[in-house]
Each structure stands twice: as structure tokens, then as C-alpha cells.
Amino acid sequence: RYRELTREIAERRHAEARAQLLAATDPLTGCLNRRSM
């Protein structure tokens, strides 16, 4: 259970980082978007 828990935490952190990246950048060019700019 401890191993599953640590893996879930790592996956959750990766998903949050990915969501933050998508929310802050333009998916086509990789530039910042209007809001994050």
C-alpha cells in the first residue's frame, strides 16, 4: 500500500504539473498563452 501510495502521489504531481503547463502555454507553439503572459 505504501508503494501504491507513493506512486499515486508521483502521478498526481505529474498530472498537476501537466495541467499547469497546459493552462499556461499554447499547445501548438509551446509559447505562453494570453493569461499566463
PDB file of all heavy atoms in Angstrom:
ATOM      1  N   ARG A   1       0.834  -1.216   0.000  1.00  0.00           N
ATOM      2  CA  ARG A   1       0.000   0.000   0.000  1.00  0.00           C
ATOM      3  C   ARG A   1       0.866   1.263   0.000  1.00  0.00           C
ATOM      4  O   ARG A   1       0.552   2.261  -0.648  1.00  0.00           O
ATOM      5  CB  ARG A   1      -0.930  -0.011   1.211  1.00  0.00           C
ATOM      6  CG  ARG A   1      -1.851   1.195   1.295  1.00  0.00           C
ATOM      7  CD  ARG A   1      -2.650   1.359   0.016  1.00  0.00           C
ATOM      8  NE  ARG A   1      -3.380   2.606  -0.018  1.00  0.00           N
ATOM      9  CZ  ARG A   1      -3.830   3.175  -1.115  1.00  0.00           C
ATOM     10  NH1 ARG A   1      -3.604   2.608  -2.295  1.00  0.00           N
ATOM     11  NH2 ARG A   1      -4.484   4.313  -1.058  1.00  0.00           N
ATOM     12  N   TYR A   2       1.991   1.166   0.728  1.00  0.00           N
ATOM     13  CA  TYR A   2       2.901   2.316   0.766  1.00  0.00           C
ATOM     14  C   TYR A   2       3.470   2.594  -0.633  1.00  0.00           C
ATOM     15  O   TYR A   2       3.547   3.740  -1.074  1.00  0.00           O
ATOM     16  CB  TYR A   2       4.019   2.050   1.772  1.00  0.00           C
ATOM     17  CG  TYR A   2       5.115   3.086   1.723  1.00  0.00           C
ATOM     18  CD1 TYR A   2       4.932   4.341   2.306  1.00  0.00           C
ATOM     19  CD2 TYR A   2       6.342   2.814   1.089  1.00  0.00           C
ATOM     20  CE1 TYR A   2       5.932   5.301   2.256  1.00  0.00           C
ATOM     21  CE2 TYR A   2       7.343   3.766   1.039  1.00  0.00           C
ATOM     22  CZ  TYR A   2       7.128   5.005   1.622  1.00  0.00           C
ATOM     23  OH  TYR A   2       8.117   5.955   1.576  1.00  0.00           O
ATOM     24  N   ARG A   3       3.853   1.529  -1.337  1.00  0.00           N
ATOM     25  CA  ARG A   3       4.369   1.704  -2.700  1.00  0.00           C
ATOM     26  C   ARG A   3       3.302   2.298  -3.622  1.00  0.00           C
ATOM     27  O   ARG A   3       3.579   3.191  -4.433  1.00  0.00           O
ATOM     28  CB  ARG A   3       4.833   0.353  -3.252  1.00  0.00           C
ATOM     29  CG  ARG A   3       6.145  -0.134  -2.648  1.00  0.00           C
ATOM     30  CD  ARG A   3       6.644  -1.354  -3.404  1.00  0.00           C
ATOM     31  NE  ARG A   3       6.841  -1.042  -4.813  1.00  0.00           N
ATOM     32  CZ  ARG A   3       7.107  -1.968  -5.738  1.00  0.00           C
ATOM     33  NH1 ARG A   3       7.172  -3.256  -5.396  1.00  0.00           N
ATOM     34  NH2 ARG A   3       7.294  -1.620  -6.993  1.00  0.00           N
ATOM     35  N   GLU A   4       2.074   1.808  -3.525  1.00  0.00           N
ATOM     36  CA  GLU A   4       0.983   2.348  -4.345  1.00  0.00           C
ATOM     37  C   GLU A   4       0.742   3.815  -4.020  1.00  0.00           C
ATOM     38  O   GLU A   4       0.479   4.631  -4.913  1.00  0.00           O
ATOM     39  CB  GLU A   4      -0.287   1.531  -4.111  1.00  0.00           C
ATOM     40  CG  GLU A   4      -0.210   0.105  -4.644  1.00  0.00           C
ATOM     41  CD  GLU A   4      -1.440  -0.705  -4.261  1.00  0.00           C
ATOM     42  OE1 GLU A   4      -2.306  -0.142  -3.540  1.00  0.00           O
ATOM     43  OE2 GLU A   4      -1.544  -1.873  -4.668  1.00  0.00           O
ATOM     44  N   LEU A   5       0.823   4.111  -2.731  1.00  0.00           N
ATOM     45  CA  LEU A   5       0.570   5.490  -2.305  1.00  0.00           C
ATOM     46  C   LEU A   5       1.626   6.433  -2.863  1.00  0.00           C
ATOM     47  O   LEU A   5       1.310   7.511  -3.381  1.00  0.00           O
ATOM     48  CB  LEU A   5       0.529   5.565  -0.774  1.00  0.00           C
ATOM     49  CG  LEU A   5       0.221   6.942  -0.176  1.00  0.00           C
ATOM     50  CD1 LEU A   5      -1.154   7.425  -0.648  1.00  0.00           C
ATOM     51  CD2 LEU A   5       0.265   6.893   1.346  1.00  0.00           C
ATOM     52  N   THR A   6       2.885   6.031  -2.769  1.00  0.00           N
ATOM     53  CA  THR A   6       3.952   6.890  -3.301  1.00  0.00           C
ATOM     54  C   THR A   6       3.825   7.029  -4.823  1.00  0.00           C
ATOM     55  O   THR A   6       4.081   8.114  -5.369  1.00  0.00           O
ATOM     56  CB  THR A   6       5.333   6.314  -2.938  1.00  0.00           C
ATOM     57  OG1 THR A   6       5.415   4.947  -3.381  1.00  0.00           O
ATOM     58  CG2 THR A   6       5.568   6.375  -1.440  1.00  0.00           C
ATOM     59  N   ARG A   7       3.421   5.952  -5.511  1.00  0.00           N
ATOM     60  CA  ARG A   7       3.245   6.044  -6.959  1.00  0.00           C
ATOM     61  C   ARG A   7       2.076   6.968  -7.308  1.00  0.00           C
ATOM     62  O   ARG A   7       2.148   7.761  -8.252  1.00  0.00           O
ATOM     63  CB  ARG A   7       3.004   4.654  -7.543  1.00  0.00           C
ATOM     64  CG  ARG A   7       2.933   4.662  -9.077  1.00  0.00           C
ATOM     65  CD  ARG A   7       2.921   3.261  -9.676  1.00  0.00           C
ATOM     66  NE  ARG A   7       1.733   2.523  -9.255  1.00  0.00           N
ATOM     67  CZ  ARG A   7       1.768   1.494  -8.421  1.00  0.00           C
ATOM     68  NH1 ARG A   7       2.925   1.102  -7.883  1.00  0.00           N
ATOM     69  NH2 ARG A   7       0.662   0.839  -8.098  1.00  0.00           N
ATOM     70  N   GLU A   8       0.984   6.879  -6.552  1.00  0.00           N
ATOM     71  CA  GLU A   8      -0.155   7.756  -6.775  1.00  0.00           C
ATOM     72  C   GLU A   8       0.226   9.223  -6.570  1.00  0.00           C
ATOM     73  O   GLU A   8      -0.197  10.100  -7.327  1.00  0.00           O
ATOM     74  CB  GLU A   8      -1.300   7.375  -5.836  1.00  0.00           C
ATOM     75  CG  GLU A   8      -2.003   6.073  -6.196  1.00  0.00           C
ATOM     76  CD  GLU A   8      -3.087   5.719  -5.190  1.00  0.00           C
ATOM     77  OE1 GLU A   8      -3.342   6.563  -4.298  1.00  0.00           O
ATOM     78  OE2 GLU A   8      -3.656   4.629  -5.286  1.00  0.00           O
ATOM     79  N   ILE A   9       1.032   9.465  -5.547  1.00  0.00           N
ATOM     80  CA  ILE A   9       1.460  10.848  -5.288  1.00  0.00           C
ATOM     81  C   ILE A   9       2.310  11.368  -6.444  1.00  0.00           C
ATOM     82  O   ILE A   9       2.142  12.512  -6.902  1.00  0.00           O
ATOM     83  CB  ILE A   9       2.239  10.921  -3.951  1.00  0.00           C
ATOM     84  CG1 ILE A   9       1.291  10.649  -2.783  1.00  0.00           C
ATOM     85  CG2 ILE A   9       2.911  12.281  -3.796  1.00  0.00           C
ATOM     86  CD1 ILE A   9       2.001  10.529  -1.446  1.00  0.00           C
ATOM     87  N   ALA A  10       3.227  10.529  -6.931  1.00  0.00           N
ATOM     88  CA  ALA A  10       4.078  10.943  -8.049  1.00  0.00           C
ATOM     89  C   ALA A  10       3.248  11.208  -9.303  1.00  0.00           C
ATOM     90  O   ALA A  10       3.465  12.204 -10.008  1.00  0.00           O
ATOM     91  CB  ALA A  10       5.127   9.865  -8.325  1.00  0.00           C
ATOM     92  N   GLU A  11       2.275  10.316  -9.568  1.00  0.00           N
ATOM     93  CA  GLU A  11       1.417  10.505 -10.743  1.00  0.00           C
ATOM     94  C   GLU A  11       0.562  11.752 -10.599  1.00  0.00           C
ATOM     95  O   GLU A  11       0.342  12.485 -11.573  1.00  0.00           O
ATOM     96  CB  GLU A  11       0.537   9.274 -10.942  1.00  0.00           C
ATOM     97  CG  GLU A  11       1.295   8.032 -11.388  1.00  0.00           C
ATOM     98  CD  GLU A  11       0.396   6.813 -11.463  1.00  0.00           C
ATOM     99  OE1 GLU A  11      -0.780   6.929 -11.029  1.00  0.00           O
ATOM    100  OE2 GLU A  11       0.855   5.761 -11.960  1.00  0.00           O
ATOM    101  N   ARG A  12       0.070  11.999  -9.395  1.00  0.00           N
ATOM    102  CA  ARG A  12      -0.762  13.179  -9.170  1.00  0.00           C
ATOM    103  C   ARG A  12       0.051  14.457  -9.362  1.00  0.00           C
ATOM    104  O   ARG A  12      -0.412  15.415  -9.962  1.00  0.00           O
ATOM    105  CB  ARG A  12      -1.363  13.122  -7.769  1.00  0.00           C
ATOM    106  CG  ARG A  12      -2.338  14.254  -7.476  1.00  0.00           C
ATOM    107  CD  ARG A  12      -3.014  14.038  -6.136  1.00  0.00           C
ATOM    108  NE  ARG A  12      -3.765  12.794  -6.112  1.00  0.00           N
ATOM    109  CZ  ARG A  12      -4.378  12.340  -5.029  1.00  0.00           C
ATOM    110  NH1 ARG A  12      -4.300  13.014  -3.880  1.00  0.00           N
ATOM    111  NH2 ARG A  12      -5.049  11.217  -5.077  1.00  0.00           N
ATOM    112  N   ARG A  13       1.279  14.452  -8.862  1.00  0.00           N
ATOM    113  CA  ARG A  13       2.136  15.618  -9.040  1.00  0.00           C
ATOM    114  C   ARG A  13       2.455  15.841 -10.514  1.00  0.00           C
ATOM    115  O   ARG A  13       2.466  16.981 -10.995  1.00  0.00           O
ATOM    116  CB  ARG A  13       3.430  15.448  -8.243  1.00  0.00           C
ATOM    117  CG  ARG A  13       3.245  15.611  -6.748  1.00  0.00           C
ATOM    118  CD  ARG A  13       4.534  15.333  -6.003  1.00  0.00           C
ATOM    119  NE  ARG A  13       4.373  15.554  -4.563  1.00  0.00           N
ATOM    120  CZ  ARG A  13       5.294  15.246  -3.665  1.00  0.00           C
ATOM    121  NH1 ARG A  13       6.442  14.679  -4.049  1.00  0.00           N
ATOM    122  NH2 ARG A  13       5.077  15.482  -2.394  1.00  0.00           N
ATOM    123  N   HIS A  14       2.706  14.754 -11.237  1.00  0.00           N
ATOM    124  CA  HIS A  14       2.974  14.873 -12.670  1.00  0.00           C
ATOM    125  C   HIS A  14       1.747  15.407 -13.407  1.00  0.00           C
ATOM    126  O   HIS A  14       1.873  16.266 -14.295  1.00  0.00           O
ATOM    127  CB  HIS A  14       3.361  13.503 -13.235  1.00  0.00           C
ATOM    128  CG  HIS A  14       3.583  13.512 -14.716  1.00  0.00           C
ATOM    129  ND1 HIS A  14       4.702  14.071 -15.295  1.00  0.00           N
ATOM    130  CD2 HIS A  14       2.815  13.033 -15.748  1.00  0.00           C
ATOM    131  CE1 HIS A  14       4.621  13.948 -16.604  1.00  0.00           C
ATOM    132  NE2 HIS A  14       3.492  13.309 -16.912  1.00  0.00           N
ATOM    133  N   ALA A  15       0.555  14.914 -13.053  1.00  0.00           N
ATOM    134  CA  ALA A  15      -0.681  15.378 -13.695  1.00  0.00           C
ATOM    135  C   ALA A  15      -0.931  16.846 -13.391  1.00  0.00           C
ATOM    136  O   ALA A  15      -1.354  17.614 -14.268  1.00  0.00           O
ATOM    137  CB  ALA A  15      -1.861  14.525 -13.234  1.00  0.00           C
ATOM    138  N   GLU A  16      -0.678  17.257 -12.150  1.00  0.00           N
ATOM    139  CA  GLU A  16      -0.862  18.663 -11.790  1.00  0.00           C
ATOM    140  C   GLU A  16       0.108  19.551 -12.555  1.00  0.00           C
ATOM    141  O   GLU A  16      -0.257  20.630 -13.029  1.00  0.00           O
ATOM    142  CB  GLU A  16      -0.682  18.838 -10.282  1.00  0.00           C
ATOM    143  CG  GLU A  16      -1.812  18.244  -9.445  1.00  0.00           C
ATOM    144  CD  GLU A  16      -1.552  18.347  -7.951  1.00  0.00           C
ATOM    145  OE1 GLU A  16      -0.412  18.745  -7.589  1.00  0.00           O
ATOM    146  OE2 GLU A  16      -2.460  18.031  -7.173  1.00  0.00           O
ATOM    147  N   ALA A  17       1.373  19.078 -12.671  1.00  0.00           N
ATOM    148  CA  ALA A  17       2.354  19.856 -13.428  1.00  0.00           C
ATOM    149  C   ALA A  17       1.954  19.955 -14.892  1.00  0.00           C
ATOM    150  O   ALA A  17       2.089  21.014 -15.527  1.00  0.00           O
ATOM    151  CB  ALA A  17       3.733  19.214 -13.296  1.00  0.00           C
ATOM    152  N   ARG A  18       1.433  18.836 -15.447  1.00  0.00           N
ATOM    153  CA  ARG A  18       0.983  18.830 -16.828  1.00  0.00           C
ATOM    154  C   ARG A  18      -0.205  19.767 -17.033  1.00  0.00           C
ATOM    155  O   ARG A  18      -0.268  20.512 -18.019  1.00  0.00           O
ATOM    156  CB  ARG A  18       0.590  17.406 -17.219  1.00  0.00           C
ATOM    157  CG  ARG A  18       0.029  17.248 -18.626  1.00  0.00           C
ATOM    158  CD  ARG A  18       1.076  17.522 -19.670  1.00  0.00           C
ATOM    159  NE  ARG A  18       0.565  17.287 -21.004  1.00  0.00           N
ATOM    160  CZ  ARG A  18       1.191  17.679 -22.101  1.00  0.00           C
ATOM    161  NH1 ARG A  18       2.339  18.332 -22.012  1.00  0.00           N
ATOM    162  NH2 ARG A  18       0.677  17.420 -23.282  1.00  0.00           N
ATOM    163  N   ALA A  19      -1.131  19.746 -16.082  1.00  0.00           N
ATOM    164  CA  ALA A  19      -2.308  20.625 -16.166  1.00  0.00           C
ATOM    165  C   ALA A  19      -1.892  22.086 -16.082  1.00  0.00           C
ATOM    166  O   ALA A  19      -2.423  22.941 -16.808  1.00  0.00           O
ATOM    167  CB  ALA A  19      -3.289  20.289 -15.058  1.00  0.00           C
ATOM    168  N   GLN A  20      -0.948  22.383 -15.187  1.00  0.00           N
ATOM    169  CA  GLN A  20      -0.465  23.756 -15.079  1.00  0.00           C
ATOM    170  C   GLN A  20       0.223  24.198 -16.363  1.00  0.00           C
ATOM    171  O   GLN A  20       0.067  25.339 -16.807  1.00  0.00           O
ATOM    172  CB  GLN A  20       0.483  23.881 -13.885  1.00  0.00           C
ATOM    173  CG  GLN A  20      -0.208  23.771 -12.534  1.00  0.00           C
ATOM    174  CD  GLN A  20       0.778  23.819 -11.380  1.00  0.00           C
ATOM    175  OE1 GLN A  20       1.993  23.821 -11.586  1.00  0.00           O
ATOM    176  NE2 GLN A  20       0.253  23.835 -10.164  1.00  0.00           N
ATOM    177  N   LEU A  21       0.999  23.270 -16.949  1.00  0.00           N
ATOM    178  CA  LEU A  21       1.680  23.596 -18.206  1.00  0.00           C
ATOM    179  C   LEU A  21       0.676  23.873 -19.319  1.00  0.00           C
ATOM    180  O   LEU A  21       0.807  24.845 -20.071  1.00  0.00           O
ATOM    181  CB  LEU A  21       2.602  22.442 -18.597  1.00  0.00           C
ATOM    182  CG  LEU A  21       3.390  22.621 -19.904  1.00  0.00           C
ATOM    183  CD1 LEU A  21       4.357  23.795 -19.782  1.00  0.00           C
ATOM    184  CD2 LEU A  21       4.127  21.344 -20.268  1.00  0.00           C
ATOM    185  N   LEU A  22      -0.356  23.011 -19.435  1.00  0.00           N
ATOM    186  CA  LEU A  22      -1.374  23.209 -20.468  1.00  0.00           C
ATOM    187  C   LEU A  22      -2.161  24.491 -20.246  1.00  0.00           C
ATOM    188  O   LEU A  22      -2.553  25.163 -21.197  1.00  0.00           O
ATOM    189  CB  LEU A  22      -2.322  22.009 -20.499  1.00  0.00           C
ATOM    190  CG  LEU A  22      -1.721  20.685 -20.978  1.00  0.00           C
ATOM    191  CD1 LEU A  22      -2.731  19.562 -20.841  1.00  0.00           C
ATOM    192  CD2 LEU A  22      -1.245  20.804 -22.428  1.00  0.00           C
ATOM    193  N   ALA A  23      -2.400  24.822 -18.987  1.00  0.00           N
ATOM    194  CA  ALA A  23      -3.154  26.041 -18.678  1.00  0.00           C
ATOM    195  C   ALA A  23      -2.344  27.294 -18.948  1.00  0.00           C
ATOM    196  O   ALA A  23      -2.907  28.367 -19.169  1.00  0.00           O
ATOM    197  CB  ALA A  23      -3.607  26.011 -17.217  1.00  0.00           C
ATOM    198  N   ALA A  24      -1.014  27.178 -18.946  1.00  0.00           N
ATOM    199  CA  ALA A  24      -0.161  28.363 -19.078  1.00  0.00           C
ATOM    200  C   ALA A  24       0.445  28.516 -20.459  1.00  0.00           C
ATOM    201  O   ALA A  24       1.006  29.579 -20.757  1.00  0.00           O
ATOM    202  CB  ALA A  24       0.959  28.308 -18.031  1.00  0.00           C
ATOM    203  N   THR A  25       0.380  27.500 -21.315  1.00  0.00           N
ATOM    204  CA  THR A  25       1.060  27.563 -22.606  1.00  0.00           C
ATOM    205  C   THR A  25       0.112  27.290 -23.757  1.00  0.00           C
ATOM    206  O   THR A  25      -0.972  26.736 -23.588  1.00  0.00           O
ATOM    207  CB  THR A  25       2.217  26.538 -22.668  1.00  0.00           C
ATOM    208  OG1 THR A  25       1.685  25.222 -22.466  1.00  0.00           O
ATOM    209  CG2 THR A  25       3.254  26.828 -21.598  1.00  0.00           C
ATOM    210  N   ASP A  26       0.568  27.676 -24.936  1.00  0.00           N
ATOM    211  CA  ASP A  26      -0.154  27.399 -26.168  1.00  0.00           C
ATOM    212  C   ASP A  26       0.248  26.016 -26.657  1.00  0.00           C
ATOM    213  O   ASP A  26       1.441  25.736 -26.842  1.00  0.00           O
ATOM    214  CB  ASP A  26       0.198  28.453 -27.223  1.00  0.00           C
ATOM    215  CG  ASP A  26      -0.354  28.114 -28.576  1.00  0.00           C
ATOM    216  OD1 ASP A  26      -1.584  27.961 -28.690  1.00  0.00           O
ATOM    217  OD2 ASP A  26       0.442  27.974 -29.522  1.00  0.00           O
ATOM    218  N   PRO A  27      -0.688  25.095 -26.871  1.00  0.00           N
ATOM    219  CA  PRO A  27      -0.327  23.706 -27.216  1.00  0.00           C
ATOM    220  C   PRO A  27       0.380  23.570 -28.556  1.00  0.00           C
ATOM    221  O   PRO A  27       1.137  22.627 -28.754  1.00  0.00           O
ATOM    222  CB  PRO A  27      -1.685  22.987 -27.219  1.00  0.00           C
ATOM    223  CG  PRO A  27      -2.706  24.066 -27.409  1.00  0.00           C
ATOM    224  CD  PRO A  27      -2.143  25.278 -26.747  1.00  0.00           C
ATOM    225  N   LEU A  28       0.151  24.502 -29.486  1.00  0.00           N
ATOM    226  CA  LEU A  28       0.766  24.389 -30.809  1.00  0.00           C
ATOM    227  C   LEU A  28       2.230  24.824 -30.791  1.00  0.00           C
ATOM    228  O   LEU A  28       3.108  24.102 -31.270  1.00  0.00           O
ATOM    229  CB  LEU A  28      -0.021  25.224 -31.827  1.00  0.00           C
ATOM    230  CG  LEU A  28       0.589  25.303 -33.230  1.00  0.00           C
ATOM    231  CD1 LEU A  28       0.577  23.922 -33.887  1.00  0.00           C
ATOM    232  CD2 LEU A  28      -0.178  26.309 -34.093  1.00  0.00           C
ATOM    233  N   THR A  29       2.503  25.991 -30.225  1.00  0.00           N
ATOM    234  CA  THR A  29       3.842  26.575 -30.318  1.00  0.00           C
ATOM    235  C   THR A  29       4.674  26.400 -29.053  1.00  0.00           C
ATOM    236  O   THR A  29       5.887  26.605 -29.088  1.00  0.00           O
ATOM    237  CB  THR A  29       3.728  28.075 -30.617  1.00  0.00           C
ATOM    238  OG1 THR A  29       3.019  28.719 -29.543  1.00  0.00           O
ATOM    239  CG2 THR A  29       2.971  28.309 -31.921  1.00  0.00           C
ATOM    240  N   GLY A  30       4.027  26.039 -27.948  1.00  0.00           N
ATOM    241  CA  GLY A  30       4.748  25.940 -26.690  1.00  0.00           C
ATOM    242  C   GLY A  30       5.024  27.276 -26.035  1.00  0.00           C
ATOM    243  O   GLY A  30       5.682  27.340 -24.986  1.00  0.00           O
ATOM    244  N   CYS A  31       4.522  28.359 -26.614  1.00  0.00           N
ATOM    245  CA  CYS A  31       4.669  29.689 -26.010  1.00  0.00           C
ATOM    246  C   CYS A  31       3.692  29.835 -24.845  1.00  0.00           C
ATOM    247  O   CYS A  31       2.774  29.037 -24.666  1.00  0.00           O
ATOM    248  CB  CYS A  31       4.369  30.770 -27.043  1.00  0.00           C
ATOM    249  SG  CYS A  31       5.447  30.762 -28.480  1.00  0.00           S
ATOM    250  N   LEU A  32       3.894  30.884 -24.071  1.00  0.00           N
ATOM    251  CA  LEU A  32       2.900  31.232 -23.069  1.00  0.00           C
ATOM    252  C   LEU A  32       1.606  31.615 -23.764  1.00  0.00           C
ATOM    253  O   LEU A  32       1.601  31.997 -24.934  1.00  0.00           O
ATOM    254  CB  LEU A  32       3.391  32.405 -22.213  1.00  0.00           C
ATOM    255  CG  LEU A  32       4.686  32.196 -21.413  1.00  0.00           C
ATOM    256  CD1 LEU A  32       5.061  33.491 -20.692  1.00  0.00           C
ATOM    257  CD2 LEU A  32       4.551  31.056 -20.429  1.00  0.00           C
ATOM    258  N   ASN A  33       0.487  31.504 -23.045  1.00  0.00           N
ATOM    259  CA  ASN A  33      -0.777  31.989 -23.602  1.00  0.00           C
ATOM    260  C   ASN A  33      -1.102  33.360 -23.021  1.00  0.00           C
ATOM    261  O   ASN A  33      -0.341  33.920 -22.241  1.00  0.00           O
ATOM    262  CB  ASN A  33      -1.909  30.990 -23.364  1.00  0.00           C
ATOM    263  CG  ASN A  33      -2.110  30.678 -21.886  1.00  0.00           C
ATOM    264  OD1 ASN A  33      -1.791  31.489 -21.011  1.00  0.00           O
ATOM    265  ND2 ASN A  33      -2.647  29.499 -21.596  1.00  0.00           N
ATOM    266  N   ARG A  34      -2.245  33.897 -23.427  1.00  0.00           N
ATOM    267  CA  ARG A  34      -2.591  35.268 -23.025  1.00  0.00           C
ATOM    268  C   ARG A  34      -2.670  35.417 -21.510  1.00  0.00           C
ATOM    269  O   ARG A  34      -2.166  36.390 -20.952  1.00  0.00           O
ATOM    270  CB  ARG A  34      -3.929  35.665 -23.659  1.00  0.00           C
ATOM    271  CG  ARG A  34      -4.391  37.068 -23.299  1.00  0.00           C
ATOM    272  CD  ARG A  34      -5.745  37.360 -23.923  1.00  0.00           C
ATOM    273  NE  ARG A  34      -5.642  37.470 -25.368  1.00  0.00           N
ATOM    274  CZ  ARG A  34      -5.415  38.597 -26.018  1.00  0.00           C
ATOM    275  NH1 ARG A  34      -5.250  39.731 -25.345  1.00  0.00           N
ATOM    276  NH2 ARG A  34      -5.350  38.615 -27.336  1.00  0.00           N
ATOM    277  N   ARG A  35      -3.292  34.456 -20.836  1.00  0.00           N
ATOM    278  CA  ARG A  35      -3.481  34.587 -19.393  1.00  0.00           C
ATOM    279  C   ARG A  35      -2.153  34.539 -18.645  1.00  0.00           C
ATOM    280  O   ARG A  35      -1.885  35.386 -17.780  1.00  0.00           O
ATOM    281  CB  ARG A  35      -4.407  33.475 -18.888  1.00  0.00           C
ATOM    282  CG  ARG A  35      -4.719  33.567 -17.407  1.00  0.00           C
ATOM    283  CD  ARG A  35      -5.701  32.492 -16.983  1.00  0.00           C
ATOM    284  NE  ARG A  35      -5.172  31.152 -17.196  1.00  0.00           N
ATOM    285  CZ  ARG A  35      -5.848  30.049 -16.907  1.00  0.00           C
ATOM    286  NH1 ARG A  35      -7.087  30.135 -16.442  1.00  0.00           N
ATOM    287  NH2 ARG A  35      -5.319  28.861 -17.124  1.00  0.00           N
ATOM    288  N   SER A  36      -1.303  33.569 -18.992  1.00  0.00           N
ATOM    289  CA  SER A  36      -0.031  33.453 -18.290  1.00  0.00           C
ATOM    290  C   SER A  36       0.926  34.576 -18.662  1.00  0.00           C
ATOM    291  O   SER A  36       1.832  34.907 -17.898  1.00  0.00           O
ATOM    292  CB  SER A  36       0.612  32.099 -18.582  1.00  0.00           C
ATOM    293  OG  SER A  36       0.808  31.930 -19.968  1.00  0.00           O
ATOM    294  N   MET A  37       0.735  35.163 -19.860  1.00  0.00           N
ATOM    295  CA  MET A  37       1.602  36.270 -20.263  1.00  0.00           C
ATOM    296  C   MET A  37       1.419  37.477 -19.355  1.00  0.00           C
ATOM    297  O   MET A  37       2.365  38.230 -19.085  1.00  0.00           O
ATOM    298  CB  MET A  37       1.305  36.650 -21.716  1.00  0.00           C
ATOM    299  CG  MET A  37       2.216  37.742 -22.272  1.00  0.00           C
ATOM    300  SD  MET A  37       3.949  37.283 -22.244  1.00  0.00           S
ATOM    301  CE  MET A  37       4.654  38.563 -23.291  1.00  0.00           C
TER     302      MET A  37
END
